[in-house]
Amino acid sequence: MAVRADWPRLWLILNDEPILSATDGMFDGGHVALHTLRFTQPDDSAEVAVLVRNLRVSDLAAALPERAPVYRRS
């Protein structure tokens, strides 16, 4: 899976095939985030885990250096 952003254009790519794209001229930048939601009772003791392997964040070949991605841990 890959997310490609060349603001205001954004693509979601799965197995090297674009499956979703959007364009919105109101945005000239943004962010991509991974989240996990759990829809169970608060007292549920079942563990929830997410493993992300081989994550790579890179800029586009023609992108301006000041528009390169920045990694921020939250």
N, C-alpha and C. Protein backbone atom coordinates (compact mmCIF):
# COMPACT_ATOMS: atom_id res chain seq x y z
N MET A 1 0.85 -1.16 0.00
CA MET A 1 0.00 0.00 0.00
C MET A 1 0.90 1.23 0.00
N ALA A 2 0.47 2.25 -0.72
CA ALA A 2 1.22 3.50 -0.77
C ALA A 2 0.24 4.66 -0.82
N VAL A 3 0.66 5.76 -0.25
CA VAL A 3 -0.08 7.02 -0.36
C VAL A 3 0.86 8.00 -1.04
N ARG A 4 0.39 8.58 -2.11
CA ARG A 4 1.20 9.56 -2.84
C ARG A 4 0.47 10.89 -2.80
N ALA A 5 1.18 11.92 -2.40
CA ALA A 5 0.58 13.26 -2.31
C ALA A 5 1.43 14.23 -3.11
N ASP A 6 0.81 14.90 -4.03
CA ASP A 6 1.41 16.00 -4.79
C ASP A 6 0.36 17.09 -4.75
N TRP A 7 0.30 17.75 -3.60
CA TRP A 7 -0.82 18.63 -3.28
C TRP A 7 -1.09 19.61 -4.42
N PRO A 8 -2.33 19.71 -4.84
CA PRO A 8 -3.57 19.30 -4.17
C PRO A 8 -4.06 17.92 -4.57
N ARG A 9 -3.21 17.10 -5.19
CA ARG A 9 -3.62 15.75 -5.62
C ARG A 9 -3.13 14.71 -4.62
N LEU A 10 -3.95 13.67 -4.42
CA LEU A 10 -3.64 12.61 -3.46
C LEU A 10 -4.09 11.28 -4.06
N TRP A 11 -3.25 10.24 -3.94
CA TRP A 11 -3.58 8.92 -4.46
C TRP A 11 -3.37 7.87 -3.38
N LEU A 12 -4.21 6.84 -3.38
CA LEU A 12 -4.01 5.64 -2.57
C LEU A 12 -3.71 4.53 -3.56
N ILE A 13 -2.58 3.86 -3.38
CA ILE A 13 -2.11 2.85 -4.32
C ILE A 13 -1.99 1.52 -3.59
N LEU A 14 -2.56 0.48 -4.17
CA LEU A 14 -2.52 -0.86 -3.59
C LEU A 14 -1.99 -1.83 -4.63
N ASN A 15 -0.94 -2.57 -4.30
CA ASN A 15 -0.31 -3.51 -5.23
C ASN A 15 0.06 -2.82 -6.54
N ASP A 16 0.65 -1.64 -6.43
CA ASP A 16 1.11 -0.84 -7.57
C ASP A 16 0.00 -0.35 -8.49
N GLU A 17 -1.25 -0.39 -8.03
CA GLU A 17 -2.39 0.10 -8.81
C GLU A 17 -3.09 1.20 -8.04
N PRO A 18 -3.30 2.38 -8.65
CA PRO A 18 -4.07 3.42 -7.97
C PRO A 18 -5.52 2.97 -7.78
N ILE A 19 -6.01 3.01 -6.55
CA ILE A 19 -7.39 2.59 -6.30
C ILE A 19 -8.28 3.74 -5.85
N LEU A 20 -7.66 4.87 -5.48
CA LEU A 20 -8.43 6.02 -5.03
C LEU A 20 -7.61 7.27 -5.30
N SER A 21 -8.28 8.31 -5.78
CA SER A 21 -7.58 9.58 -5.96
C SER A 21 -8.53 10.73 -5.65
N ALA A 22 -7.95 11.84 -5.28
CA ALA A 22 -8.75 13.03 -4.96
C ALA A 22 -7.92 14.26 -5.30
N THR A 23 -8.62 15.33 -5.65
CA THR A 23 -8.00 16.63 -5.90
C THR A 23 -8.86 17.69 -5.23
N ASP A 24 -8.22 18.54 -4.46
CA ASP A 24 -8.93 19.62 -3.79
C ASP A 24 -8.02 20.84 -3.74
N GLY A 25 -8.33 21.85 -4.54
CA GLY A 25 -7.51 23.04 -4.63
C GLY A 25 -7.45 23.87 -3.37
N MET A 26 -8.28 23.56 -2.37
CA MET A 26 -8.24 24.30 -1.11
C MET A 26 -7.02 23.95 -0.27
N PHE A 27 -6.35 22.84 -0.59
CA PHE A 27 -5.23 22.37 0.22
C PHE A 27 -3.94 22.40 -0.59
N ASP A 28 -2.87 22.95 -0.01
CA ASP A 28 -1.57 22.90 -0.67
C ASP A 28 -0.58 22.08 0.16
N GLY A 29 -1.07 21.39 1.17
CA GLY A 29 -0.26 20.54 2.02
C GLY A 29 -1.15 19.77 2.96
N GLY A 30 -0.58 18.83 3.66
CA GLY A 30 -1.38 18.03 4.58
C GLY A 30 -0.54 16.99 5.27
N HIS A 31 -1.20 15.95 5.77
CA HIS A 31 -0.48 14.88 6.45
C HIS A 31 -1.19 13.55 6.22
N VAL A 32 -0.45 12.50 6.46
CA VAL A 32 -0.97 11.14 6.39
C VAL A 32 -0.74 10.52 7.76
N ALA A 33 -1.74 9.84 8.29
CA ALA A 33 -1.62 9.24 9.62
C ALA A 33 -2.22 7.84 9.62
N LEU A 34 -1.70 6.98 10.47
CA LEU A 34 -2.25 5.64 10.68
C LEU A 34 -2.90 5.62 12.06
N HIS A 35 -4.13 5.17 12.11
CA HIS A 35 -4.87 5.12 13.37
C HIS A 35 -5.50 3.74 13.53
N THR A 36 -5.72 3.34 14.76
CA THR A 36 -6.44 2.11 15.08
C THR A 36 -7.62 2.48 15.96
N LEU A 37 -8.79 1.99 15.60
CA LEU A 37 -9.99 2.20 16.41
C LEU A 37 -10.48 0.87 16.92
N ARG A 38 -11.01 0.88 18.11
CA ARG A 38 -11.53 -0.34 18.72
C ARG A 38 -12.97 -0.09 19.13
N PHE A 39 -13.89 -0.86 18.58
CA PHE A 39 -15.32 -0.68 18.84
C PHE A 39 -15.84 -1.80 19.73
N THR A 40 -15.35 -1.85 20.96
CA THR A 40 -15.81 -2.86 21.92
C THR A 40 -16.15 -2.17 23.23
N GLN A 41 -16.57 -2.94 24.17
CA GLN A 41 -16.89 -2.41 25.49
C GLN A 41 -15.60 -1.97 26.19
N PRO A 42 -15.66 -0.94 27.03
CA PRO A 42 -14.46 -0.46 27.72
C PRO A 42 -13.78 -1.51 28.60
N ASP A 43 -14.53 -2.48 29.11
CA ASP A 43 -13.94 -3.50 29.97
C ASP A 43 -13.48 -4.74 29.20
N ASP A 44 -13.53 -4.72 27.87
CA ASP A 44 -13.08 -5.85 27.06
C ASP A 44 -11.57 -6.00 27.22
N SER A 45 -11.11 -7.20 27.55
CA SER A 45 -9.68 -7.42 27.81
C SER A 45 -8.93 -7.96 26.59
N ALA A 46 -9.61 -8.12 25.46
CA ALA A 46 -8.93 -8.63 24.26
C ALA A 46 -7.92 -7.61 23.76
N GLU A 47 -6.73 -8.09 23.43
CA GLU A 47 -5.66 -7.22 22.96
C GLU A 47 -5.89 -6.81 21.51
N VAL A 48 -5.51 -5.59 21.19
CA VAL A 48 -5.54 -5.09 19.82
C VAL A 48 -4.12 -4.65 19.48
N ALA A 49 -3.62 -5.08 18.33
CA ALA A 49 -2.27 -4.71 17.93
C ALA A 49 -2.24 -4.42 16.43
N VAL A 50 -1.36 -3.53 16.05
CA VAL A 50 -1.14 -3.21 14.65
C VAL A 50 0.36 -3.27 14.39
N LEU A 51 0.74 -3.96 13.35
CA LEU A 51 2.14 -4.07 12.98
C LEU A 51 2.31 -3.48 11.59
N VAL A 52 3.19 -2.51 11.47
CA VAL A 52 3.49 -1.91 10.17
C VAL A 52 4.95 -2.24 9.87
N ARG A 53 5.16 -2.96 8.79
CA ARG A 53 6.52 -3.36 8.41
C ARG A 53 6.94 -2.65 7.14
N ASN A 54 8.22 -2.41 7.04
CA ASN A 54 8.80 -1.85 5.82
C ASN A 54 8.17 -0.53 5.41
N LEU A 55 7.88 0.31 6.38
CA LEU A 55 7.32 1.62 6.10
C LEU A 55 8.41 2.52 5.52
N ARG A 56 8.11 3.14 4.41
CA ARG A 56 9.06 4.04 3.77
C ARG A 56 8.34 5.34 3.43
N VAL A 57 8.93 6.44 3.81
CA VAL A 57 8.40 7.76 3.50
C VAL A 57 9.45 8.46 2.65
N SER A 58 9.06 8.91 1.47
CA SER A 58 10.01 9.58 0.59
C SER A 58 9.31 10.70 -0.15
N ASP A 59 10.11 11.59 -0.71
CA ASP A 59 9.52 12.68 -1.48
C ASP A 59 9.47 12.29 -2.96
N LEU A 60 8.69 13.04 -3.72
CA LEU A 60 8.59 12.81 -5.15
C LEU A 60 9.85 13.34 -5.83
N ALA A 61 10.23 12.73 -6.94
CA ALA A 61 11.46 13.10 -7.63
C ALA A 61 11.47 14.57 -8.04
N ALA A 62 10.34 15.10 -8.45
CA ALA A 62 10.28 16.49 -8.92
C ALA A 62 9.86 17.47 -7.83
N ALA A 63 9.78 17.02 -6.59
CA ALA A 63 9.29 17.88 -5.50
C ALA A 63 10.35 18.89 -5.07
N LEU A 64 9.88 20.02 -4.59
CA LEU A 64 10.79 21.02 -4.03
C LEU A 64 11.35 20.50 -2.71
N PRO A 65 12.62 20.78 -2.39
CA PRO A 65 13.21 20.27 -1.15
C PRO A 65 12.45 20.68 0.10
N GLU A 66 11.89 21.89 0.13
CA GLU A 66 11.15 22.34 1.32
C GLU A 66 9.81 21.63 1.47
N ARG A 67 9.39 20.85 0.46
CA ARG A 67 8.13 20.12 0.54
C ARG A 67 8.37 18.64 0.84
N ALA A 68 9.58 18.28 1.21
CA ALA A 68 9.89 16.89 1.53
C ALA A 68 9.12 16.46 2.78
N PRO A 69 8.78 15.17 2.88
CA PRO A 69 8.03 14.70 4.05
C PRO A 69 8.84 14.79 5.33
N VAL A 70 8.12 14.96 6.42
CA VAL A 70 8.71 15.04 7.76
C VAL A 70 8.05 13.98 8.61
N TYR A 71 8.85 13.20 9.33
CA TYR A 71 8.31 12.16 10.22
C TYR A 71 8.14 12.74 11.61
N ARG A 72 6.93 12.63 12.15
CA ARG A 72 6.65 13.10 13.52
C ARG A 72 5.95 11.99 14.27
N ARG A 73 6.50 11.61 15.39
CA ARG A 73 5.86 10.62 16.26
C ARG A 73 4.92 11.32 17.21
N SER A 74 3.72 10.77 17.35
CA SER A 74 2.79 11.41 18.29
C SER A 74 2.55 10.53 19.49
